[in-house]
């Protein structure tokens, strides 16, 4: 048998066994959990939304209502209405300011879900309204965010939809 040829024992069939990948995911999860805690403790908007949700009968628990997970490269987070949980994309959020903005955006969706009983799956107007509110109130539409997307201009950013 040729000694230069490595034998294949089937390790490639189990990508979860890749320790380096597991360690990186664990490291990102710890970083995400830490940034989430800082956002919940220091962001005035996050604190206000958490208090408003509690006052509306929907208290939020960090362990139950937030989840740091790996996501594809196009999203930073999301609100899962089926389980009332905010998903934070640990592999796509690298700075505290970004975490604060994502937490604020997703908490707005959670608040809408609690207070307005949004019909996420059958009423696209509910979904659109919540998305516009979250984008506007979270800072996604701020001048600096728009400039970062190379969307310059001071007029016609909030147009009525038809």
N, C-alpha and C. Protein backbone atom coordinates (compact mmCIF):
# COMPACT_ATOMS: atom_id res chain seq x y z
N UNK A 1 0.84 -1.17 0.00
CA UNK A 1 0.00 0.00 0.00
C UNK A 1 0.89 1.24 0.00
N UNK A 2 0.51 2.25 -0.72
CA UNK A 2 1.27 3.49 -0.83
C UNK A 2 1.20 4.24 0.49
N UNK A 3 2.35 4.51 1.14
CA UNK A 3 2.41 5.19 2.43
C UNK A 3 2.06 6.67 2.34
N UNK A 4 2.18 7.29 1.15
CA UNK A 4 1.89 8.72 1.02
C UNK A 4 0.39 8.98 0.96
N UNK A 5 -0.37 7.97 0.65
CA UNK A 5 -1.82 8.15 0.57
C UNK A 5 -2.43 8.00 1.96
N UNK A 6 -3.21 9.01 2.38
CA UNK A 6 -3.87 8.94 3.68
C UNK A 6 -5.14 8.13 3.55
N UNK A 7 -5.40 7.37 4.58
CA UNK A 7 -6.62 6.58 4.56
C UNK A 7 -7.80 7.44 5.00
N UNK A 8 -8.94 7.16 4.42
CA UNK A 8 -10.17 7.87 4.76
C UNK A 8 -10.97 7.00 5.71
N UNK A 9 -11.07 7.42 6.95
CA UNK A 9 -11.81 6.67 7.95
C UNK A 9 -13.25 7.19 8.11
N UNK A 10 -13.68 8.06 7.24
CA UNK A 10 -15.04 8.57 7.31
C UNK A 10 -15.21 9.79 8.20
N UNK A 11 -14.10 10.40 8.63
CA UNK A 11 -14.22 11.57 9.50
C UNK A 11 -14.95 12.72 8.82
N UNK A 12 -14.84 12.82 7.52
CA UNK A 12 -15.52 13.88 6.79
C UNK A 12 -17.03 13.76 6.80
N UNK A 13 -17.53 12.58 7.15
CA UNK A 13 -18.97 12.37 7.19
C UNK A 13 -19.62 13.01 8.42
N UNK A 14 -18.81 13.42 9.36
CA UNK A 14 -19.32 13.98 10.61
C UNK A 14 -18.72 15.37 10.84
N UNK A 15 -19.24 16.37 10.11
CA UNK A 15 -18.66 17.72 10.23
C UNK A 15 -18.80 18.29 11.63
N UNK A 16 -19.78 17.81 12.42
CA UNK A 16 -19.94 18.32 13.77
C UNK A 16 -18.74 17.96 14.65
N UNK A 17 -17.99 16.97 14.24
CA UNK A 17 -16.86 16.52 15.05
C UNK A 17 -15.65 17.44 14.90
N UNK A 18 -15.73 18.41 14.06
CA UNK A 18 -14.62 19.33 13.86
C UNK A 18 -14.48 20.21 15.11
N UNK A 19 -13.49 19.91 15.93
CA UNK A 19 -13.32 20.62 17.20
C UNK A 19 -13.04 22.10 17.02
N UNK A 20 -12.29 22.46 16.00
CA UNK A 20 -11.98 23.87 15.78
C UNK A 20 -13.27 24.66 15.50
N UNK A 21 -14.15 24.07 14.72
CA UNK A 21 -15.41 24.73 14.40
C UNK A 21 -16.29 24.84 15.66
N UNK A 22 -16.30 23.77 16.45
CA UNK A 22 -17.08 23.81 17.70
C UNK A 22 -16.53 24.86 18.65
N UNK A 23 -15.22 24.94 18.75
CA UNK A 23 -14.61 25.92 19.65
C UNK A 23 -14.94 27.33 19.18
N UNK A 24 -14.86 27.59 17.88
CA UNK A 24 -15.16 28.92 17.35
C UNK A 24 -16.62 29.29 17.62
N UNK A 25 -17.53 28.35 17.42
CA UNK A 25 -18.94 28.60 17.68
C UNK A 25 -19.17 28.89 19.17
N UNK A 26 -18.49 28.14 20.02
CA UNK A 26 -18.58 28.35 21.48
C UNK A 26 -18.06 29.74 21.85
N UNK A 27 -16.92 30.12 21.26
CA UNK A 27 -16.33 31.43 21.53
C UNK A 27 -17.26 32.55 21.08
N UNK A 28 -17.84 32.40 19.88
CA UNK A 28 -18.77 33.41 19.37
C UNK A 28 -20.02 33.49 20.24
N UNK A 29 -20.49 32.34 20.76
CA UNK A 29 -21.66 32.33 21.60
C UNK A 29 -21.40 33.07 22.91
N UNK A 30 -20.25 32.85 23.51
CA UNK A 30 -19.89 33.56 24.74
C UNK A 30 -19.82 35.06 24.50
N UNK A 31 -19.21 35.46 23.38
CA UNK A 31 -19.11 36.88 23.04
C UNK A 31 -20.50 37.47 22.82
N UNK A 32 -21.35 36.75 22.12
CA UNK A 32 -22.72 37.21 21.85
C UNK A 32 -23.49 37.37 23.16
N UNK A 33 -23.40 36.38 24.04
CA UNK A 33 -24.10 36.45 25.33
C UNK A 33 -23.62 37.65 26.15
N UNK A 34 -22.32 37.91 26.11
CA UNK A 34 -21.77 39.06 26.84
C UNK A 34 -22.26 40.38 26.27
N UNK A 35 -22.24 40.50 24.94
CA UNK A 35 -22.71 41.74 24.31
C UNK A 35 -24.21 41.92 24.53
N UNK A 36 -24.97 40.82 24.53
CA UNK A 36 -26.40 40.91 24.81
C UNK A 36 -26.64 41.44 26.22
N UNK A 37 -25.89 40.92 27.18
CA UNK A 37 -26.05 41.38 28.56
C UNK A 37 -25.73 42.86 28.69
N UNK A 38 -24.67 43.31 28.02
CA UNK A 38 -24.31 44.72 28.04
C UNK A 38 -25.44 45.55 27.42
N UNK A 39 -26.00 45.08 26.31
CA UNK A 39 -27.09 45.81 25.66
C UNK A 39 -28.30 45.92 26.59
N UNK A 40 -28.63 44.83 27.26
CA UNK A 40 -29.79 44.84 28.16
C UNK A 40 -29.56 45.71 29.39
N UNK A 41 -28.31 45.79 29.82
CA UNK A 41 -27.98 46.56 31.03
C UNK A 41 -27.73 48.04 30.78
N UNK A 42 -27.25 48.38 29.57
CA UNK A 42 -26.79 49.75 29.35
C UNK A 42 -27.56 50.53 28.28
N UNK A 43 -28.22 49.84 27.36
CA UNK A 43 -28.93 50.55 26.29
C UNK A 43 -30.24 51.12 26.82
N UNK A 44 -30.40 52.44 26.80
CA UNK A 44 -31.64 53.02 27.30
C UNK A 44 -32.87 52.54 26.51
N UNK A 45 -32.70 52.34 25.21
CA UNK A 45 -33.82 51.89 24.39
C UNK A 45 -34.21 50.45 24.73
N UNK A 46 -33.21 49.60 24.91
CA UNK A 46 -33.49 48.21 25.28
C UNK A 46 -34.17 48.16 26.64
N UNK A 47 -33.67 48.94 27.59
CA UNK A 47 -34.28 48.97 28.92
C UNK A 47 -35.72 49.46 28.86
N UNK A 48 -35.97 50.49 28.06
CA UNK A 48 -37.32 51.03 27.90
C UNK A 48 -38.26 49.97 27.30
N UNK A 49 -37.80 49.29 26.25
CA UNK A 49 -38.63 48.27 25.60
C UNK A 49 -38.88 47.09 26.53
N UNK A 50 -37.87 46.67 27.27
CA UNK A 50 -38.05 45.57 28.22
C UNK A 50 -39.07 45.94 29.29
N UNK A 51 -39.00 47.18 29.79
CA UNK A 51 -39.95 47.65 30.80
C UNK A 51 -41.36 47.75 30.22
N UNK A 52 -41.46 48.23 28.98
CA UNK A 52 -42.77 48.35 28.32
C UNK A 52 -43.39 46.97 28.10
N UNK A 53 -42.57 46.01 27.75
CA UNK A 53 -43.10 44.65 27.56
C UNK A 53 -43.58 44.07 28.88
N UNK A 54 -42.82 44.31 29.92
CA UNK A 54 -43.23 43.84 31.25
C UNK A 54 -44.57 44.48 31.64
N UNK A 55 -44.69 45.79 31.39
CA UNK A 55 -45.93 46.50 31.70
C UNK A 55 -47.11 46.05 30.85
N UNK A 56 -46.83 45.46 29.69
CA UNK A 56 -47.89 44.96 28.81
C UNK A 56 -48.22 43.50 29.08
N UNK A 57 -47.59 42.95 30.12
CA UNK A 57 -47.88 41.56 30.48
C UNK A 57 -47.01 40.54 29.79
N UNK A 58 -45.92 40.98 29.20
CA UNK A 58 -45.01 40.06 28.50
C UNK A 58 -43.58 40.25 29.02
N UNK A 59 -43.31 39.83 30.26
CA UNK A 59 -41.95 40.00 30.77
C UNK A 59 -40.96 39.17 29.95
N UNK A 60 -39.77 39.70 29.78
CA UNK A 60 -38.75 39.06 28.95
C UNK A 60 -37.64 38.52 29.84
N UNK A 61 -37.28 37.28 29.59
CA UNK A 61 -36.16 36.64 30.28
C UNK A 61 -35.04 36.43 29.27
N UNK A 62 -33.84 36.81 29.62
CA UNK A 62 -32.70 36.67 28.71
C UNK A 62 -32.52 35.21 28.30
N UNK A 63 -32.59 34.30 29.25
CA UNK A 63 -32.35 32.89 28.95
C UNK A 63 -33.46 32.27 28.09
N UNK A 64 -34.68 32.72 28.27
CA UNK A 64 -35.81 32.13 27.55
C UNK A 64 -36.08 32.82 26.21
N UNK A 65 -35.92 34.13 26.14
CA UNK A 65 -36.39 34.88 24.98
C UNK A 65 -35.29 35.34 24.03
N UNK A 66 -34.05 35.00 24.30
CA UNK A 66 -32.94 35.35 23.41
C UNK A 66 -32.13 34.10 23.11
N UNK A 67 -31.66 33.99 21.89
CA UNK A 67 -30.81 32.86 21.51
C UNK A 67 -29.73 33.36 20.56
N UNK A 68 -28.48 33.09 20.92
CA UNK A 68 -27.34 33.41 20.04
C UNK A 68 -27.05 32.17 19.20
N UNK A 69 -27.11 32.33 17.89
CA UNK A 69 -26.93 31.20 16.98
C UNK A 69 -26.12 31.63 15.77
N UNK A 70 -25.55 30.63 15.07
CA UNK A 70 -24.91 30.89 13.79
C UNK A 70 -25.99 31.06 12.73
N UNK A 71 -25.80 32.03 11.85
CA UNK A 71 -26.76 32.31 10.78
C UNK A 71 -26.00 32.43 9.46
N UNK A 72 -26.73 32.52 8.37
CA UNK A 72 -26.04 32.78 7.11
C UNK A 72 -25.55 34.23 7.11
N UNK A 73 -24.80 34.59 6.11
CA UNK A 73 -24.13 35.88 6.10
C UNK A 73 -24.99 37.08 5.80
N UNK A 74 -26.28 36.91 5.63
CA UNK A 74 -27.11 38.04 5.19
C UNK A 74 -27.93 38.67 6.29
N UNK A 75 -28.01 38.06 7.47
CA UNK A 75 -28.86 38.60 8.53
C UNK A 75 -28.08 38.76 9.83
N UNK A 76 -28.57 39.66 10.67
CA UNK A 76 -27.96 39.89 11.98
C UNK A 76 -28.82 39.35 13.11
N UNK A 77 -30.09 39.14 12.84
CA UNK A 77 -30.99 38.64 13.86
C UNK A 77 -32.38 38.49 13.32
N UNK A 78 -33.28 38.05 14.19
CA UNK A 78 -34.66 37.88 13.78
C UNK A 78 -35.54 37.61 14.99
N UNK A 79 -36.83 37.75 14.78
CA UNK A 79 -37.80 37.44 15.82
C UNK A 79 -38.60 36.24 15.37
N UNK A 80 -38.57 35.18 16.15
CA UNK A 80 -39.31 33.96 15.86
C UNK A 80 -40.61 33.99 16.64
N UNK A 81 -41.70 34.34 15.95
CA UNK A 81 -42.99 34.51 16.60
C UNK A 81 -43.57 33.19 17.09
N UNK A 82 -43.17 32.08 16.49
CA UNK A 82 -43.73 30.80 16.90
C UNK A 82 -43.32 30.43 18.31
N UNK A 83 -42.15 30.88 18.74
CA UNK A 83 -41.67 30.58 20.10
C UNK A 83 -41.40 31.85 20.91
N UNK A 84 -41.78 33.00 20.35
CA UNK A 84 -41.55 34.30 21.01
C UNK A 84 -40.10 34.45 21.45
N UNK A 85 -39.21 34.28 20.50
CA UNK A 85 -37.78 34.32 20.82
C UNK A 85 -37.03 35.18 19.80
N UNK A 86 -36.08 35.94 20.32
CA UNK A 86 -35.21 36.76 19.48
C UNK A 86 -33.94 35.97 19.20
N UNK A 87 -33.62 35.82 17.92
CA UNK A 87 -32.40 35.12 17.51
C UNK A 87 -31.37 36.18 17.14
N UNK A 88 -30.20 36.08 17.74
CA UNK A 88 -29.08 36.98 17.44
C UNK A 88 -28.01 36.18 16.72
N UNK A 89 -27.58 36.68 15.59
CA UNK A 89 -26.62 35.95 14.76
C UNK A 89 -25.20 36.20 15.26
N UNK A 90 -24.73 35.26 16.08
CA UNK A 90 -23.45 35.42 16.76
C UNK A 90 -22.27 35.53 15.80
N UNK A 91 -22.39 34.96 14.61
CA UNK A 91 -21.28 35.02 13.66
C UNK A 91 -21.33 36.28 12.79
N UNK A 92 -22.38 37.09 12.92
CA UNK A 92 -22.50 38.29 12.09
C UNK A 92 -22.52 39.58 12.90
N UNK A 93 -22.56 39.49 14.21
CA UNK A 93 -22.56 40.68 15.07
C UNK A 93 -21.21 40.73 15.76
N UNK A 94 -20.41 41.75 15.42
CA UNK A 94 -19.04 41.81 15.93
C UNK A 94 -18.77 43.00 16.83
N UNK A 95 -19.66 43.99 16.84
CA UNK A 95 -19.44 45.20 17.63
C UNK A 95 -20.64 45.45 18.53
N UNK A 96 -20.38 46.06 19.68
CA UNK A 96 -21.44 46.33 20.65
C UNK A 96 -22.51 47.24 20.07
N UNK A 97 -22.12 48.25 19.29
CA UNK A 97 -23.11 49.16 18.71
C UNK A 97 -24.06 48.41 17.77
N UNK A 98 -23.52 47.45 17.03
CA UNK A 98 -24.35 46.62 16.14
C UNK A 98 -25.30 45.76 16.98
N UNK A 99 -24.79 45.16 18.05
CA UNK A 99 -25.63 44.34 18.93
C UNK A 99 -26.76 45.19 19.52
N UNK A 100 -26.44 46.39 19.97
CA UNK A 100 -27.46 47.27 20.55
C UNK A 100 -28.56 47.55 19.54
N UNK A 101 -28.19 47.81 18.29
CA UNK A 101 -29.17 48.13 17.25
C UNK A 101 -30.03 46.90 16.92
N UNK A 102 -29.41 45.72 16.84
CA UNK A 102 -30.16 44.50 16.53
C UNK A 102 -31.11 44.16 17.67
N UNK A 103 -30.64 44.26 18.91
CA UNK A 103 -31.49 43.97 20.06
C UNK A 103 -32.69 44.92 20.07
N UNK A 104 -32.42 46.20 19.82
CA UNK A 104 -33.51 47.18 19.80
C UNK A 104 -34.51 46.85 18.69
N UNK A 105 -34.03 46.55 17.50
CA UNK A 105 -34.88 46.23 16.35
C UNK A 105 -35.76 45.02 16.67
N UNK A 106 -35.15 43.96 17.18
CA UNK A 106 -35.92 42.74 17.44
C UNK A 106 -36.84 42.89 18.65
N UNK A 107 -36.45 43.69 19.64
CA UNK A 107 -37.36 43.95 20.76
C UNK A 107 -38.60 44.71 20.32
N UNK A 108 -38.47 45.55 19.30
CA UNK A 108 -39.64 46.25 18.76
C UNK A 108 -40.60 45.23 18.16
N UNK A 109 -40.06 44.24 17.44
CA UNK A 109 -40.93 43.18 16.92
C UNK A 109 -41.58 42.40 18.07
N UNK A 110 -40.80 42.09 19.10
CA UNK A 110 -41.35 41.36 20.24
C UNK A 110 -42.43 42.17 20.93
N UNK A 111 -42.22 43.48 21.05
CA UNK A 111 -43.23 44.35 21.65
C UNK A 111 -44.50 44.36 20.81
N UNK A 112 -44.35 44.48 19.49
CA UNK A 112 -45.51 44.46 18.61
C UNK A 112 -46.26 43.13 18.75
N UNK A 113 -45.51 42.05 18.86
CA UNK A 113 -46.11 40.72 19.01
C UNK A 113 -46.92 40.65 20.30
N UNK A 114 -46.38 41.23 21.36
CA UNK A 114 -47.03 41.21 22.67
C UNK A 114 -48.24 42.14 22.70
N UNK A 115 -48.04 43.37 22.32
CA UNK A 115 -49.06 44.41 22.49
C UNK A 115 -50.12 44.38 21.39
N UNK A 116 -49.69 44.26 20.15
CA UNK A 116 -50.62 44.39 19.03
C UNK A 116 -51.08 43.05 18.46
N UNK A 117 -50.54 41.96 18.99
CA UNK A 117 -50.91 40.62 18.52
C UNK A 117 -50.80 40.53 17.00
N UNK A 118 -49.63 40.85 16.51
CA UNK A 118 -49.36 40.88 15.07
C UNK A 118 -49.60 39.50 14.47
N UNK A 119 -50.27 39.46 13.34
CA UNK A 119 -50.48 38.23 12.59
C UNK A 119 -49.34 38.11 11.57
N UNK A 120 -48.24 37.55 12.00
CA UNK A 120 -47.00 37.52 11.21
C UNK A 120 -47.13 36.70 9.94
N UNK A 121 -47.95 35.67 9.96
CA UNK A 121 -47.92 34.69 8.88
C UNK A 121 -49.03 34.87 7.84
N UNK A 122 -50.11 35.55 8.20
CA UNK A 122 -51.23 35.66 7.28
C UNK A 122 -51.58 37.10 6.88
N UNK A 123 -50.97 38.08 7.53
CA UNK A 123 -51.29 39.47 7.21
C UNK A 123 -49.99 40.22 6.92
N UNK A 124 -49.70 40.37 5.65
CA UNK A 124 -48.44 41.02 5.26
C UNK A 124 -48.40 42.48 5.68
N UNK A 125 -49.57 43.11 5.87
CA UNK A 125 -49.59 44.50 6.32
C UNK A 125 -49.09 44.60 7.77
N UNK A 126 -49.45 43.65 8.60
CA UNK A 126 -48.93 43.62 9.97
C UNK A 126 -47.41 43.49 9.95
N UNK A 127 -46.93 42.56 9.14
CA UNK A 127 -45.49 42.34 9.04
C UNK A 127 -44.77 43.59 8.54
N UNK A 128 -45.31 44.21 7.49
CA UNK A 128 -44.69 45.41 6.93
C UNK A 128 -44.68 46.55 7.94
N UNK A 129 -45.78 46.73 8.65
CA UNK A 129 -45.87 47.81 9.64
C UNK A 129 -44.84 47.60 10.74
N UNK A 130 -44.73 46.39 11.25
CA UNK A 130 -43.75 46.12 12.30
C UNK A 130 -42.33 46.30 11.80
N UNK A 131 -42.08 45.89 10.57
CA UNK A 131 -40.73 46.03 10.01
C UNK A 131 -40.37 47.50 9.81
N UNK A 132 -41.31 48.30 9.36
CA UNK A 132 -41.06 49.73 9.18
C UNK A 132 -40.82 50.40 10.53
N UNK A 133 -41.65 50.05 11.52
CA UNK A 133 -41.46 50.60 12.87
C UNK A 133 -40.08 50.22 13.41
N UNK A 134 -39.72 48.95 13.28
CA UNK A 134 -38.45 48.49 13.82
C UNK A 134 -37.27 49.16 13.12
N UNK A 135 -37.35 49.28 11.81
CA UNK A 135 -36.26 49.91 11.06
C UNK A 135 -36.14 51.39 11.43
N UNK A 136 -37.27 52.06 11.54
CA UNK A 136 -37.25 53.49 11.85
C UNK A 136 -36.80 53.77 13.27
N UNK A 137 -37.32 53.00 14.22
CA UNK A 137 -37.05 53.28 15.63
C UNK A 137 -35.72 52.71 16.14
N UNK A 138 -35.18 51.73 15.45
CA UNK A 138 -33.95 51.09 15.94
C UNK A 138 -32.68 51.81 15.48
N UNK A 139 -32.82 52.69 14.51
CA UNK A 139 -31.63 53.37 13.99
C UNK A 139 -31.17 52.80 12.66
N UNK A 140 -31.88 51.80 12.14
CA UNK A 140 -31.51 51.24 10.83
C UNK A 140 -31.60 52.28 9.73
N UNK A 141 -32.44 53.30 9.95
CA UNK A 141 -32.62 54.33 8.93
C UNK A 141 -31.91 55.64 9.29
N UNK A 142 -31.01 55.59 10.24
CA UNK A 142 -30.28 56.81 10.61
C UNK A 142 -29.37 57.23 9.47
N UNK A 143 -28.94 58.47 9.52
CA UNK A 143 -28.06 58.98 8.46
C UNK A 143 -26.79 58.15 8.35
N UNK A 144 -26.19 57.79 9.49
CA UNK A 144 -24.95 57.02 9.45
C UNK A 144 -25.17 55.62 8.88
N UNK A 145 -26.31 55.00 9.20
CA UNK A 145 -26.61 53.67 8.64
C UNK A 145 -26.85 53.76 7.14
N UNK A 146 -27.57 54.79 6.72
CA UNK A 146 -27.82 54.97 5.29
C UNK A 146 -26.51 55.26 4.54
N UNK A 147 -25.65 56.07 5.14
CA UNK A 147 -24.37 56.39 4.50
C UNK A 147 -23.50 55.14 4.39
N UNK A 148 -23.54 54.28 5.41
CA UNK A 148 -22.77 53.04 5.36
C UNK A 148 -23.25 52.14 4.22
N UNK A 149 -24.52 52.26 3.85
CA UNK A 149 -25.07 51.48 2.73
C UNK A 149 -24.93 52.26 1.41
N UNK A 150 -24.23 53.38 1.47
CA UNK A 150 -24.02 54.25 0.30
C UNK A 150 -25.35 54.78 -0.24
N UNK A 151 -26.31 54.99 0.65
CA UNK A 151 -27.61 55.53 0.28
C UNK A 151 -27.65 56.98 0.76
N UNK A 152 -27.09 57.86 -0.04
CA UNK A 152 -26.98 59.26 0.33
C UNK A 152 -28.22 60.03 -0.07
N UNK A 153 -28.39 61.17 0.52
CA UNK A 153 -29.52 62.02 0.20
C UNK A 153 -30.32 62.30 1.46
N UNK A 154 -30.98 63.44 1.46
CA UNK A 154 -31.73 63.84 2.64
C UNK A 154 -33.23 63.84 2.40
N UNK A 155 -33.66 63.56 1.18
CA UNK A 155 -35.08 63.62 0.86
C UNK A 155 -35.61 62.24 0.51
N UNK A 156 -36.90 62.09 0.70
CA UNK A 156 -37.68 60.96 0.22
C UNK A 156 -37.22 59.61 0.78
N UNK A 157 -36.83 59.58 2.05
CA UNK A 157 -36.45 58.31 2.66
C UNK A 157 -37.66 57.59 3.24
N UNK A 158 -38.66 58.31 3.72
CA UNK A 158 -39.88 57.70 4.24
C UNK A 158 -41.03 58.07 3.30
N UNK A 159 -41.21 57.23 2.30
CA UNK A 159 -42.27 57.47 1.32
C UNK A 159 -43.50 56.65 1.68
N UNK A 160 -44.69 57.20 1.47
CA UNK A 160 -45.89 56.39 1.72
C UNK A 160 -45.91 55.22 0.76
N UNK A 161 -46.30 54.05 1.27
CA UNK A 161 -46.39 52.89 0.39
C UNK A 161 -47.76 52.84 -0.27
N UNK A 162 -47.81 52.28 -1.45
CA UNK A 162 -49.09 52.24 -2.16
C UNK A 162 -49.83 50.96 -1.89
